[in-house]
Amino acid sequence: MQSKVQERAIESGDGLYFYDFNSEIQDQKKEILTGLKQNNKKISAKYFYDEKGSKLFEDITNLPEYYPTRTEISLINKYRQEILEKAGEHSILIEYGSGASTKIRLLLDALKPKAYVPMDISKDFLFDCAIELRKQFPWLEIHATCLDYRQPATLPERLPDGFKKVGFFPGSSLGNFAPEEALNFLKGVRTTVGDNGAFLIGVDLVKDNQVLHDAYNDEQGVTANFNLNILDHLNKVGAGNFNTQNFSHHAFFNEEKSRIEMHLISDIDQVVSLFNERLIFKKNEHIITEYSYKFIPSKFSEFAMRAGFESKQIWSDENKHFALFWLEAI
């Protein structure tokens, strides 16, 4: 039986298509409960991105402390012509974790892709953004695809054949993956784009600790709300009763691991119901919600090589806070 999204994909037509390849609830239940029953409790960062979480993240990208988004946008604007020369016109442009598709707007006019495939786990947010994007670019064929892009991507069958595939992964989201997961993800992208394909990826670089700390502990508390919202999302997914007032946001830079860590700390001893199971949290017990690894350019190029990509170009800001890498399949 087709989902409502798949039905809408068939009905929408006119160059705008929707697909739902997301995991079934049973898969989510197993993943979530397994993470929360470990000694070092954790929740996958993908559960940040329900509709509210996606909007909160867009708010984070506009905060003065959060440098990655504005830095990456300035790099795309500055080097847009060079990116076009490497990508060529009329490619199939595949964006991993598209969110509000803000950055892609900067590339669409320049690249004039044959088709655009925004992929995101937040279904409603993805579809609303795709509709708005279609209004802004009426000539653009859009295949909005809801899936967990951490897994090998399922591309829509109705995509045009015979065109170069170019992946786009902005925002340094690769840093949210553990190293082995990141390597497997890059290998999956390499398979998806094929032998003639390429990958434009944003990478957050190692820098002064205070700059990193401030980016994840903003004065307005937006990042804290974003972190806590993951519990509200789990409540919806698993009929849970997490009370966000009983948890606190905690984020810091782990120098040894070269990563930001985001945690939620239980402020009290408490028992939470989720998927009709009892979960016990002791006072001061941590739930890991996100790792965000930071990279050294030369080491990232070596890392990409292991996945079948050669780093052909690196564009960075003058402060060396952030970089865009152009990777080509080898």
C-alpha atoms as a PDB file:
ATOM      1  CA  MET A   1       0.000   0.000   0.000  1.00  0.00           C
ATOM      2  CA  GLN A   2       1.431   3.376  -0.983  1.00  0.00           C
ATOM      3  CA  SER A   3       1.998   6.040   1.653  1.00  0.00           C
ATOM      4  CA  LYS A   4       0.303   9.413   1.340  1.00  0.00           C
ATOM      5  CA  VAL A   5       3.621  10.880   0.286  1.00  0.00           C
ATOM      6  CA  GLN A   6       4.029   8.392  -2.526  1.00  0.00           C
ATOM      7  CA  GLU A   7       0.478   9.146  -3.653  1.00  0.00           C
ATOM      8  CA  ARG A   8       1.293  12.865  -3.658  1.00  0.00           C
ATOM      9  CA  ALA A   9       4.397  12.119  -5.700  1.00  0.00           C
ATOM     10  CA  ILE A  10       2.266  10.627  -8.437  1.00  0.00           C
ATOM     11  CA  GLU A  11      -0.336  13.374  -8.292  1.00  0.00           C
ATOM     12  CA  SER A  12       1.977  16.381  -8.076  1.00  0.00           C
ATOM     13  CA  GLY A  13       3.624  16.139 -11.492  1.00  0.00           C
ATOM     14  CA  ASP A  14       4.649  19.331 -13.276  1.00  0.00           C
ATOM     15  CA  GLY A  15       8.291  18.798 -12.332  1.00  0.00           C
ATOM     16  CA  LEU A  16       7.720  18.402  -8.583  1.00  0.00           C
ATOM     17  CA  TYR A  17       7.757  14.919  -7.031  1.00  0.00           C
ATOM     18  CA  PHE A  18       7.718  13.587  -3.461  1.00  0.00           C
ATOM     19  CA  TYR A  19       9.017  10.232  -2.236  1.00  0.00           C
ATOM     20  CA  ASP A  20       8.945   8.649   1.204  1.00  0.00           C
ATOM     21  CA  PHE A  21      11.674   6.084   1.844  1.00  0.00           C
ATOM     22  CA  ASN A  22      11.840   6.638   5.598  1.00  0.00           C
ATOM     23  CA  SER A  23      12.280   3.856   8.154  1.00  0.00           C
ATOM     24  CA  GLU A  24       9.306   2.084   9.661  1.00  0.00           C
ATOM     25  CA  ILE A  25       8.363   2.841  13.269  1.00  0.00           C
ATOM     26  CA  GLN A  26       9.584  -0.601  14.405  1.00  0.00           C
ATOM     27  CA  ASP A  27      13.101   0.221  13.202  1.00  0.00           C
ATOM     28  CA  GLN A  28      12.967   3.522  15.096  1.00  0.00           C
ATOM     29  CA  LYS A  29      11.771   1.797  18.264  1.00  0.00           C
ATOM     30  CA  LYS A  30      14.665  -0.663  18.256  1.00  0.00           C
ATOM     31  CA  GLU A  31      17.258   2.031  17.516  1.00  0.00           C
ATOM     32  CA  ILE A  32      15.991   4.470  20.157  1.00  0.00           C
ATOM     33  CA  LEU A  33      15.531   1.953  22.975  1.00  0.00           C
ATOM     34  CA  THR A  34      18.886   0.299  22.301  1.00  0.00           C
ATOM     35  CA  GLY A  35      20.604   3.678  22.593  1.00  0.00           C
ATOM     36  CA  LEU A  36      18.807   4.621  25.823  1.00  0.00           C
ATOM     37  CA  LYS A  37      19.441   1.270  27.526  1.00  0.00           C
ATOM     38  CA  GLN A  38      23.224   1.430  27.138  1.00  0.00           C
ATOM     39  CA  ASN A  39      25.452   2.376  30.061  1.00  0.00           C
ATOM     40  CA  ASN A  40      26.458   5.485  28.093  1.00  0.00           C
ATOM     41  CA  LYS A  41      23.016   6.506  26.915  1.00  0.00           C
ATOM     42  CA  LYS A  42      22.669   8.108  23.497  1.00  0.00           C
ATOM     43  CA  ILE A  43      20.097   9.271  20.964  1.00  0.00           C
ATOM     44  CA  SER A  44      20.918   9.506  17.262  1.00  0.00           C
ATOM     45  CA  ALA A  45      21.294  13.119  16.135  1.00  0.00           C
ATOM     46  CA  LYS A  46      18.856  12.442  13.292  1.00  0.00           C
ATOM     47  CA  TYR A  47      16.023  12.683  15.850  1.00  0.00           C
ATOM     48  CA  PHE A  48      16.744  16.391  16.247  1.00  0.00           C
ATOM     49  CA  TYR A  49      14.967  16.972  12.960  1.00  0.00           C
ATOM     50  CA  ASP A  50      11.228  16.854  13.357  1.00  0.00           C
ATOM     51  CA  GLU A  51       9.474  19.924  11.992  1.00  0.00           C
ATOM     52  CA  LYS A  52      10.111  22.013  15.125  1.00  0.00           C
ATOM     53  CA  GLY A  53      13.724  20.829  15.374  1.00  0.00           C
ATOM     54  CA  SER A  54      14.382  21.702  11.736  1.00  0.00           C
ATOM     55  CA  LYS A  55      13.036  25.209  12.299  1.00  0.00           C
ATOM     56  CA  LEU A  56      15.096  25.620  15.465  1.00  0.00           C
ATOM     57  CA  PHE A  57      18.207  24.601  13.569  1.00  0.00           C
ATOM     58  CA  GLU A  58      17.478  27.249  10.946  1.00  0.00           C
ATOM     59  CA  ASP A  59      17.307  29.743  13.840  1.00  0.00           C
ATOM     60  CA  ILE A  60      20.685  28.498  15.076  1.00  0.00           C
ATOM     61  CA  THR A  61      22.260  29.161  11.673  1.00  0.00           C
ATOM     62  CA  ASN A  62      21.358  32.852  12.047  1.00  0.00           C
ATOM     63  CA  LEU A  63      22.900  33.287  15.502  1.00  0.00           C
ATOM     64  CA  PRO A  64      25.953  35.573  15.774  1.00  0.00           C
ATOM     65  CA  GLU A  65      27.918  32.839  17.585  1.00  0.00           C
ATOM     66  CA  TYR A  66      27.239  30.214  14.918  1.00  0.00           C
ATOM     67  CA  TYR A  67      29.882  30.872  12.244  1.00  0.00           C
ATOM     68  CA  PRO A  68      29.558  27.781   9.951  1.00  0.00           C
ATOM     69  CA  THR A  69      26.482  28.845   7.991  1.00  0.00           C
ATOM     70  CA  ARG A  70      27.463  32.424   7.189  1.00  0.00           C
ATOM     71  CA  THR A  71      31.037  31.350   6.421  1.00  0.00           C
ATOM     72  CA  GLU A  72      29.891  28.589   4.084  1.00  0.00           C
ATOM     73  CA  ILE A  73      27.422  30.895   2.332  1.00  0.00           C
ATOM     74  CA  SER A  74      30.178  33.459   1.758  1.00  0.00           C
ATOM     75  CA  LEU A  75      32.396  30.728   0.264  1.00  0.00           C
ATOM     76  CA  ILE A  76      29.642  29.533  -2.078  1.00  0.00           C
ATOM     77  CA  ASN A  77      28.990  33.100  -3.205  1.00  0.00           C
ATOM     78  CA  LYS A  78      32.669  33.849  -3.702  1.00  0.00           C
ATOM     79  CA  TYR A  79      33.520  30.649  -5.596  1.00  0.00           C
ATOM     80  CA  ARG A  80      30.229  29.970  -7.362  1.00  0.00           C
ATOM     81  CA  GLN A  81      31.765  30.333 -10.833  1.00  0.00           C
ATOM     82  CA  GLU A  82      34.607  27.967  -9.999  1.00  0.00           C
ATOM     83  CA  ILE A  83      32.100  25.430  -8.685  1.00  0.00           C
ATOM     84  CA  LEU A  84      30.157  25.720 -11.949  1.00  0.00           C
ATOM     85  CA  GLU A  85      33.306  25.100 -13.974  1.00  0.00           C
ATOM     86  CA  LYS A  86      33.942  21.890 -12.051  1.00  0.00           C
ATOM     87  CA  ALA A  87      30.335  20.652 -11.981  1.00  0.00           C
ATOM     88  CA  GLY A  88      29.264  21.661 -15.483  1.00  0.00           C
ATOM     89  CA  GLU A  89      25.678  22.539 -16.368  1.00  0.00           C
ATOM     90  CA  HIS A  90      22.748  20.115 -16.447  1.00  0.00           C
ATOM     91  CA  SER A  91      23.960  17.752 -13.730  1.00  0.00           C
ATOM     92  CA  ILE A  92      21.776  15.830 -11.301  1.00  0.00           C
ATOM     93  CA  LEU A  93      22.279  17.767  -8.077  1.00  0.00           C
ATOM     94  CA  ILE A  94      21.738  15.642  -4.953  1.00  0.00           C
ATOM     95  CA  GLU A  95      21.629  17.445  -1.597  1.00  0.00           C
ATOM     96  CA  TYR A  96      22.073  15.408   1.579  1.00  0.00           C
ATOM     97  CA  GLY A  97      20.203  16.871   4.559  1.00  0.00           C
ATOM     98  CA  SER A  98      18.665  19.706   2.584  1.00  0.00           C
ATOM     99  CA  GLY A  99      16.763  21.368   5.444  1.00  0.00           C
ATOM    100  CA  ALA A 100      15.443  24.722   4.270  1.00  0.00           C
ATOM    101  CA  SER A 101      17.500  24.455   1.043  1.00  0.00           C
ATOM    102  CA  THR A 102      18.945  27.893   1.782  1.00  0.00           C
ATOM    103  CA  LYS A 103      22.440  27.295   0.417  1.00  0.00           C
ATOM    104  CA  ILE A 104      21.331  25.409  -2.657  1.00  0.00           C
ATOM    105  CA  ARG A 105      19.524  28.515  -3.898  1.00  0.00           C
ATOM    106  CA  LEU A 106      22.952  30.093  -4.328  1.00  0.00           C
ATOM    107  CA  LEU A 107      23.996  27.295  -6.686  1.00  0.00           C
ATOM    108  CA  LEU A 108      20.847  26.607  -8.704  1.00  0.00           C
ATOM    109  CA  ASP A 109      20.995  29.681 -10.933  1.00  0.00           C
ATOM    110  CA  ALA A 110      24.674  29.071 -11.651  1.00  0.00           C
ATOM    111  CA  LEU A 111      24.586  25.306 -12.169  1.00  0.00           C
ATOM    112  CA  LYS A 112      21.203  25.043 -13.937  1.00  0.00           C
ATOM    113  CA  PRO A 113      20.943  21.348 -12.972  1.00  0.00           C
ATOM    114  CA  LYS A 114      18.860  18.931 -14.986  1.00  0.00           C
ATOM    115  CA  ALA A 115      17.202  17.866 -11.735  1.00  0.00           C
ATOM    116  CA  TYR A 116      17.530  18.586  -8.017  1.00  0.00           C
ATOM    117  CA  VAL A 117      17.125  15.878  -5.374  1.00  0.00           C
ATOM    118  CA  PRO A 118      16.779  17.315  -1.843  1.00  0.00           C
ATOM    119  CA  MET A 119      17.030  14.521   0.736  1.00  0.00           C
ATOM    120  CA  ASP A 120      16.032  14.995   4.365  1.00  0.00           C
ATOM    121  CA  ILE A 121      14.583  12.990   7.238  1.00  0.00           C
ATOM    122  CA  SER A 122      12.041  15.657   8.293  1.00  0.00           C
ATOM    123  CA  LYS A 123       9.139  14.877   5.956  1.00  0.00           C
ATOM    124  CA  ASP A 124       6.825  17.876   6.401  1.00  0.00           C
ATOM    125  CA  PHE A 125       9.675  20.378   6.495  1.00  0.00           C
ATOM    126  CA  LEU A 126      11.211  18.857   3.359  1.00  0.00           C
ATOM    127  CA  PHE A 127       7.995  18.986   1.382  1.00  0.00           C
ATOM    128  CA  ASP A 128       7.105  22.542   2.415  1.00  0.00           C
ATOM    129  CA  CYS A 129      10.580  23.708   1.387  1.00  0.00           C
ATOM    130  CA  ALA A 130      10.371  21.842  -1.925  1.00  0.00           C
ATOM    131  CA  ILE A 131       7.090  23.566  -2.765  1.00  0.00           C
ATOM    132  CA  GLU A 132       8.577  26.989  -1.989  1.00  0.00           C
ATOM    133  CA  LEU A 133      11.680  26.167  -4.019  1.00  0.00           C
ATOM    134  CA  ARG A 134       9.567  25.170  -6.999  1.00  0.00           C
ATOM    135  CA  LYS A 135       7.830  28.563  -6.863  1.00  0.00           C
ATOM    136  CA  GLN A 136      11.183  30.335  -6.895  1.00  0.00           C
ATOM    137  CA  PHE A 137      12.652  28.111  -9.649  1.00  0.00           C
ATOM    138  CA  PRO A 138       9.699  27.080 -11.855  1.00  0.00           C
ATOM    139  CA  TRP A 139      12.056  25.613 -14.476  1.00  0.00           C
ATOM    140  CA  LEU A 140      13.634  23.211 -11.989  1.00  0.00           C
ATOM    141  CA  GLU A 141      12.673  19.530 -11.809  1.00  0.00           C
ATOM    142  CA  ILE A 142      12.591  18.646  -8.088  1.00  0.00           C
ATOM    143  CA  HIS A 143      12.525  15.141  -6.608  1.00  0.00           C
ATOM    144  CA  ALA A 144      12.052  15.665  -2.837  1.00  0.00           C
ATOM    145  CA  THR A 145      13.068  12.442  -1.098  1.00  0.00           C
ATOM    146  CA  CYS A 146      12.387  11.689   2.568  1.00  0.00           C
ATOM    147  CA  LEU A 147      14.917   9.207   3.965  1.00  0.00           C
ATOM    148  CA  ASP A 148      17.677   8.683   6.486  1.00  0.00           C
ATOM    149  CA  TYR A 149      20.579   9.742   4.290  1.00  0.00           C
ATOM    150  CA  ARG A 150      23.063   8.157   6.702  1.00  0.00           C
ATOM    151  CA  GLN A 151      22.143   4.918   4.969  1.00  0.00           C
ATOM    152  CA  PRO A 152      22.883   4.282   1.267  1.00  0.00           C
ATOM    153  CA  ALA A 153      20.570   6.654  -0.607  1.00  0.00           C
ATOM    154  CA  THR A 154      17.597   5.384  -2.573  1.00  0.00           C
ATOM    155  CA  LEU A 155      17.363   7.616  -5.634  1.00  0.00           C
ATOM    156  CA  PRO A 156      13.994   8.045  -7.388  1.00  0.00           C
ATOM    157  CA  GLU A 157      13.641   5.788 -10.417  1.00  0.00           C
ATOM    158  CA  ARG A 158      12.147   8.568 -12.527  1.00  0.00           C
ATOM    159  CA  LEU A 159      15.302  10.709 -12.431  1.00  0.00           C
ATOM    160  CA  PRO A 160      16.624  11.620 -15.898  1.00  0.00           C
ATOM    161  CA  ASP A 161      19.284   9.181 -17.140  1.00  0.00           C
ATOM    162  CA  GLY A 162      22.733   9.884 -18.532  1.00  0.00           C
ATOM    163  CA  PHE A 163      23.636  13.033 -16.592  1.00  0.00           C
ATOM    164  CA  LYS A 164      26.553  13.642 -14.228  1.00  0.00           C
ATOM    165  CA  LYS A 165      25.608  13.276 -10.571  1.00  0.00           C
ATOM    166  CA  VAL A 166      26.935  15.871  -8.133  1.00  0.00           C
ATOM    167  CA  GLY A 167      26.369  15.422  -4.395  1.00  0.00           C
ATOM    168  CA  PHE A 168      26.124  18.427  -2.072  1.00  0.00           C
ATOM    169  CA  PHE A 169      26.466  18.109   1.706  1.00  0.00           C
ATOM    170  CA  PRO A 170      26.699  21.537   3.362  1.00  0.00           C
ATOM    171  CA  GLY A 171      26.963  22.560   6.985  1.00  0.00           C
ATOM    172  CA  SER A 172      29.715  20.173   8.089  1.00  0.00           C
ATOM    173  CA  SER A 173      27.056  17.586   8.936  1.00  0.00           C
ATOM    174  CA  LEU A 174      29.601  14.868   8.207  1.00  0.00           C
ATOM    175  CA  GLY A 175      31.104  15.791  11.571  1.00  0.00           C
ATOM    176  CA  ASN A 176      28.024  14.321  13.273  1.00  0.00           C
ATOM    177  CA  PHE A 177      29.081  10.843  12.182  1.00  0.00           C
ATOM    178  CA  ALA A 178      31.533   8.669  14.077  1.00  0.00           C
ATOM    179  CA  PRO A 179      34.679   8.178  11.952  1.00  0.00           C
ATOM    180  CA  GLU A 180      33.700   4.723  10.686  1.00  0.00           C
ATOM    181  CA  GLU A 181      30.154   5.930   9.955  1.00  0.00           C
ATOM    182  CA  ALA A 182      31.568   8.929   8.097  1.00  0.00           C
ATOM    183  CA  LEU A 183      33.753   6.667   5.980  1.00  0.00           C
ATOM    184  CA  ASN A 184      30.808   4.391   5.162  1.00  0.00           C
ATOM    185  CA  PHE A 185      28.685   7.432   4.314  1.00  0.00           C
ATOM    186  CA  LEU A 186      31.310   8.756   1.897  1.00  0.00           C
ATOM    187  CA  LYS A 187      31.593   5.312   0.312  1.00  0.00           C
ATOM    188  CA  GLY A 188      27.798   5.330  -0.109  1.00  0.00           C
ATOM    189  CA  VAL A 189      27.930   8.753  -1.778  1.00  0.00           C
ATOM    190  CA  ARG A 190      30.683   7.481  -4.067  1.00  0.00           C
ATOM    191  CA  THR A 191      28.410   4.613  -5.125  1.00  0.00           C
ATOM    192  CA  THR A 192      25.464   6.966  -5.642  1.00  0.00           C
ATOM    193  CA  VAL A 193      27.263   9.547  -7.806  1.00  0.00           C
ATOM    194  CA  GLY A 194      29.100   6.886  -9.829  1.00  0.00           C
ATOM    195  CA  ASP A 195      32.437   6.893 -11.635  1.00  0.00           C
ATOM    196  CA  ASN A 196      31.866  10.264 -13.279  1.00  0.00           C
ATOM    197  CA  GLY A 197      30.422  11.884 -10.177  1.00  0.00           C
ATOM    198  CA  ALA A 198      31.592  14.523  -7.740  1.00  0.00           C
ATOM    199  CA  PHE A 199      30.838  15.706  -4.214  1.00  0.00           C
ATOM    200  CA  LEU A 200      30.831  19.251  -2.806  1.00  0.00           C
ATOM    201  CA  ILE A 201      31.022  19.042   0.976  1.00  0.00           C
ATOM    202  CA  GLY A 202      31.285  21.598   3.780  1.00  0.00           C
ATOM    203  CA  VAL A 203      33.766  20.754   6.535  1.00  0.00           C
ATOM    204  CA  ASP A 204      34.237  22.491   9.891  1.00  0.00           C
ATOM    205  CA  LEU A 205      37.910  22.920  10.752  1.00  0.00           C
ATOM    206  CA  VAL A 206      39.874  22.688  13.992  1.00  0.00           C
ATOM    207  CA  LYS A 207      40.155  26.157  15.547  1.00  0.00           C
ATOM    208  CA  ASP A 208      40.260  28.120  18.807  1.00  0.00           C
ATOM    209  CA  ASN A 209      38.319  26.323  21.550  1.00  0.00           C
ATOM    210  CA  GLN A 210      36.383  29.416  22.608  1.00  0.00           C
ATOM    211  CA  VAL A 211      35.008  29.944  19.096  1.00  0.00           C
ATOM    212  CA  LEU A 212      33.758  26.357  19.127  1.00  0.00           C
ATOM    213  CA  HIS A 213      32.313  26.599  22.631  1.00  0.00           C
ATOM    214  CA  ASP A 214      30.356  29.772  21.863  1.00  0.00           C
ATOM    215  CA  ALA A 215      28.892  28.276  18.688  1.00  0.00           C
ATOM    216  CA  TYR A 216      27.175  25.524  20.697  1.00  0.00           C
ATOM    217  CA  ASN A 217      26.301  27.561  23.804  1.00  0.00           C
ATOM    218  CA  ASP A 218      24.624  30.679  22.444  1.00  0.00           C
ATOM    219  CA  GLU A 219      23.429  33.365  24.816  1.00  0.00           C
ATOM    220  CA  GLN A 220      19.814  33.149  23.590  1.00  0.00           C
ATOM    221  CA  GLY A 221      19.589  29.463  24.452  1.00  0.00           C
ATOM    222  CA  VAL A 222      18.397  28.425  20.989  1.00  0.00           C
ATOM    223  CA  THR A 223      20.867  25.526  20.826  1.00  0.00           C
ATOM    224  CA  ALA A 224      19.720  24.372  24.263  1.00  0.00           C
ATOM    225  CA  ASN A 225      16.090  24.377  23.065  1.00  0.00           C
ATOM    226  CA  PHE A 226      17.145  22.507  19.932  1.00  0.00           C
ATOM    227  CA  ASN A 227      18.880  19.872  22.057  1.00  0.00           C
ATOM    228  CA  LEU A 228      15.928  19.494  24.450  1.00  0.00           C
ATOM    229  CA  ASN A 229      13.443  19.261  21.591  1.00  0.00           C
ATOM    230  CA  ILE A 230      14.868  15.835  20.736  1.00  0.00           C
ATOM    231  CA  LEU A 231      13.023  14.535  23.818  1.00  0.00           C
ATOM    232  CA  ASP A 232       9.742  16.045  22.628  1.00  0.00           C
ATOM    233  CA  HIS A 233      10.320  14.357  19.275  1.00  0.00           C
ATOM    234  CA  LEU A 234      10.827  10.998  21.003  1.00  0.00           C
ATOM    235  CA  ASN A 235       7.604  11.577  22.924  1.00  0.00           C
ATOM    236  CA  LYS A 236       5.753  11.857  19.617  1.00  0.00           C
ATOM    237  CA  VAL A 237       7.518   8.886  18.027  1.00  0.00           C
ATOM    238  CA  GLY A 238       7.202   6.534  21.004  1.00  0.00           C
ATOM    239  CA  ALA A 239       4.210   7.849  22.997  1.00  0.00           C
ATOM    240  CA  GLY A 240       6.652   8.936  25.693  1.00  0.00           C
ATOM    241  CA  ASN A 241       6.460  11.243  28.691  1.00  0.00           C
ATOM    242  CA  PHE A 242       9.880  12.906  28.790  1.00  0.00           C
ATOM    243  CA  ASN A 243       9.670  16.217  30.660  1.00  0.00           C
ATOM    244  CA  THR A 244      12.238  18.589  29.151  1.00  0.00           C
ATOM    245  CA  GLN A 245      12.231  20.672  32.348  1.00  0.00           C
ATOM    246  CA  ASN A 246      13.959  17.751  34.057  1.00  0.00           C
ATOM    247  CA  PHE A 247      16.971  17.855  31.714  1.00  0.00           C
ATOM    248  CA  SER A 248      19.721  20.389  30.979  1.00  0.00           C
ATOM    249  CA  HIS A 249      21.757  21.161  27.867  1.00  0.00           C
ATOM    250  CA  HIS A 250      25.540  20.642  28.044  1.00  0.00           C
ATOM    251  CA  ALA A 251      28.006  21.144  25.159  1.00  0.00           C
ATOM    252  CA  PHE A 252      31.821  21.219  25.185  1.00  0.00           C
ATOM    253  CA  PHE A 253      34.871  20.600  22.969  1.00  0.00           C
ATOM    254  CA  ASN A 254      36.692  17.316  23.535  1.00  0.00           C
ATOM    255  CA  GLU A 255      40.241  18.136  22.433  1.00  0.00           C
ATOM    256  CA  GLU A 256      41.473  14.555  22.541  1.00  0.00           C
ATOM    257  CA  LYS A 257      38.741  13.399  20.134  1.00  0.00           C
ATOM    258  CA  SER A 258      38.647  16.681  18.158  1.00  0.00           C
ATOM    259  CA  ARG A 259      34.892  16.944  18.518  1.00  0.00           C
ATOM    260  CA  ILE A 260      32.133  18.989  20.078  1.00  0.00           C
ATOM    261  CA  GLU A 261      29.939  16.849  22.315  1.00  0.00           C
ATOM    262  CA  MET A 262      26.312  17.708  23.045  1.00  0.00           C
ATOM    263  CA  HIS A 263      24.678  16.031  26.016  1.00  0.00           C
ATOM    264  CA  LEU A 264      21.421  16.188  27.950  1.00  0.00           C
ATOM    265  CA  ILE A 265      21.847  15.804  31.708  1.00  0.00           C
ATOM    266  CA  SER A 266      19.115  14.442  33.954  1.00  0.00           C
ATOM    267  CA  ASP A 267      18.567  16.999  36.738  1.00  0.00           C
ATOM    268  CA  ILE A 268      16.796  14.478  39.006  1.00  0.00           C
ATOM    269  CA  ASP A 269      16.314  10.764  39.534  1.00  0.00           C
ATOM    270  CA  GLN A 270      13.428   9.919  37.224  1.00  0.00           C
ATOM    271  CA  VAL A 271      11.589   7.187  35.348  1.00  0.00           C
ATOM    272  CA  VAL A 272      10.381   7.831  31.803  1.00  0.00           C
ATOM    273  CA  SER A 273       7.937   5.781  29.752  1.00  0.00           C
ATOM    274  CA  LEU A 274       8.734   5.312  26.052  1.00  0.00           C
ATOM    275  CA  PHE A 275       7.268   2.712  23.678  1.00  0.00           C
ATOM    276  CA  ASN A 276       5.483   1.318  26.780  1.00  0.00           C
ATOM    277  CA  GLU A 277       8.833   0.589  28.442  1.00  0.00           C
ATOM    278  CA  ARG A 278      10.280   2.092  31.639  1.00  0.00           C
ATOM    279  CA  LEU A 279      13.595   3.916  31.333  1.00  0.00           C
ATOM    280  CA  ILE A 280      15.478   4.880  34.498  1.00  0.00           C
ATOM    281  CA  PHE A 281      17.616   8.039  34.615  1.00  0.00           C
ATOM    282  CA  LYS A 282      19.758   8.851  37.642  1.00  0.00           C
ATOM    283  CA  LYS A 283      20.475  12.415  38.694  1.00  0.00           C
ATOM    284  CA  ASN A 284      23.406  13.835  36.655  1.00  0.00           C
ATOM    285  CA  GLU A 285      23.262  10.949  34.174  1.00  0.00           C
ATOM    286  CA  HIS A 286      24.131  12.005  30.611  1.00  0.00           C
ATOM    287  CA  ILE A 287      22.462  11.269  27.268  1.00  0.00           C
ATOM    288  CA  ILE A 288      24.776  11.888  24.301  1.00  0.00           C
ATOM    289  CA  THR A 289      22.791  13.559  21.518  1.00  0.00           C
ATOM    290  CA  GLU A 290      25.507  14.725  19.130  1.00  0.00           C
ATOM    291  CA  TYR A 291      29.171  14.514  18.270  1.00  0.00           C
ATOM    292  CA  SER A 292      30.499  17.129  15.854  1.00  0.00           C
ATOM    293  CA  TYR A 293      34.007  16.281  14.670  1.00  0.00           C
ATOM    294  CA  LYS A 294      36.341  19.034  13.460  1.00  0.00           C
ATOM    295  CA  PHE A 295      38.920  18.370  10.748  1.00  0.00           C
ATOM    296  CA  ILE A 296      42.383  19.325   9.521  1.00  0.00           C
ATOM    297  CA  PRO A 297      42.232  19.802   5.698  1.00  0.00           C
ATOM    298  CA  SER A 298      45.095  17.458   4.803  1.00  0.00           C
ATOM    299  CA  LYS A 299      43.713  14.693   7.006  1.00  0.00           C
ATOM    300  CA  PHE A 300      40.232  15.093   5.551  1.00  0.00           C
ATOM    301  CA  SER A 301      41.618  14.729   2.021  1.00  0.00           C
ATOM    302  CA  GLU A 302      43.323  11.499   3.086  1.00  0.00           C
ATOM    303  CA  PHE A 303      40.067  10.336   4.658  1.00  0.00           C
ATOM    304  CA  ALA A 304      38.084  11.047   1.468  1.00  0.00           C
ATOM    305  CA  MET A 305      40.642   9.112  -0.565  1.00  0.00           C
ATOM    306  CA  ARG A 306      39.818   5.994   1.460  1.00  0.00           C
ATOM    307  CA  ALA A 307      36.212   6.333   0.275  1.00  0.00           C
ATOM    308  CA  GLY A 308      37.107   6.611  -3.412  1.00  0.00           C
ATOM    309  CA  PHE A 309      37.261  10.399  -3.755  1.00  0.00           C
ATOM    310  CA  GLU A 310      40.171  12.653  -4.655  1.00  0.00           C
ATOM    311  CA  SER A 311      40.224  16.164  -3.223  1.00  0.00           C
ATOM    312  CA  LYS A 312      40.584  18.441  -6.270  1.00  0.00           C
ATOM    313  CA  GLN A 313      39.933  21.832  -4.669  1.00  0.00           C
ATOM    314  CA  ILE A 314      39.669  23.326  -1.179  1.00  0.00           C
ATOM    315  CA  TRP A 315      38.044  26.734  -0.645  1.00  0.00           C
ATOM    316  CA  SER A 316      38.415  28.250   2.838  1.00  0.00           C
ATOM    317  CA  ASP A 317      37.803  31.568   4.609  1.00  0.00           C
ATOM    318  CA  GLU A 318      40.650  33.812   5.728  1.00  0.00           C
ATOM    319  CA  ASN A 319      40.253  32.689   9.365  1.00  0.00           C
ATOM    320  CA  LYS A 320      40.472  29.015   8.359  1.00  0.00           C
ATOM    321  CA  HIS A 321      37.285  28.307  10.285  1.00  0.00           C
ATOM    322  CA  PHE A 322      35.503  26.390   7.547  1.00  0.00           C
ATOM    323  CA  ALA A 323      36.206  24.820   4.153  1.00  0.00           C
ATOM    324  CA  LEU A 324      34.415  23.588   1.066  1.00  0.00           C
ATOM    325  CA  PHE A 325      35.974  20.510  -0.549  1.00  0.00           C
ATOM    326  CA  TRP A 326      35.426  19.536  -4.177  1.00  0.00           C
ATOM    327  CA  LEU A 327      35.835  15.761  -4.353  1.00  0.00           C
ATOM    328  CA  GLU A 328      35.868  13.744  -7.553  1.00  0.00           C
ATOM    329  CA  ALA A 329      35.328  10.011  -7.920  1.00  0.00           C
ATOM    330  CA  ILE A 330      38.424   7.947  -8.608  1.00  0.00           C
END
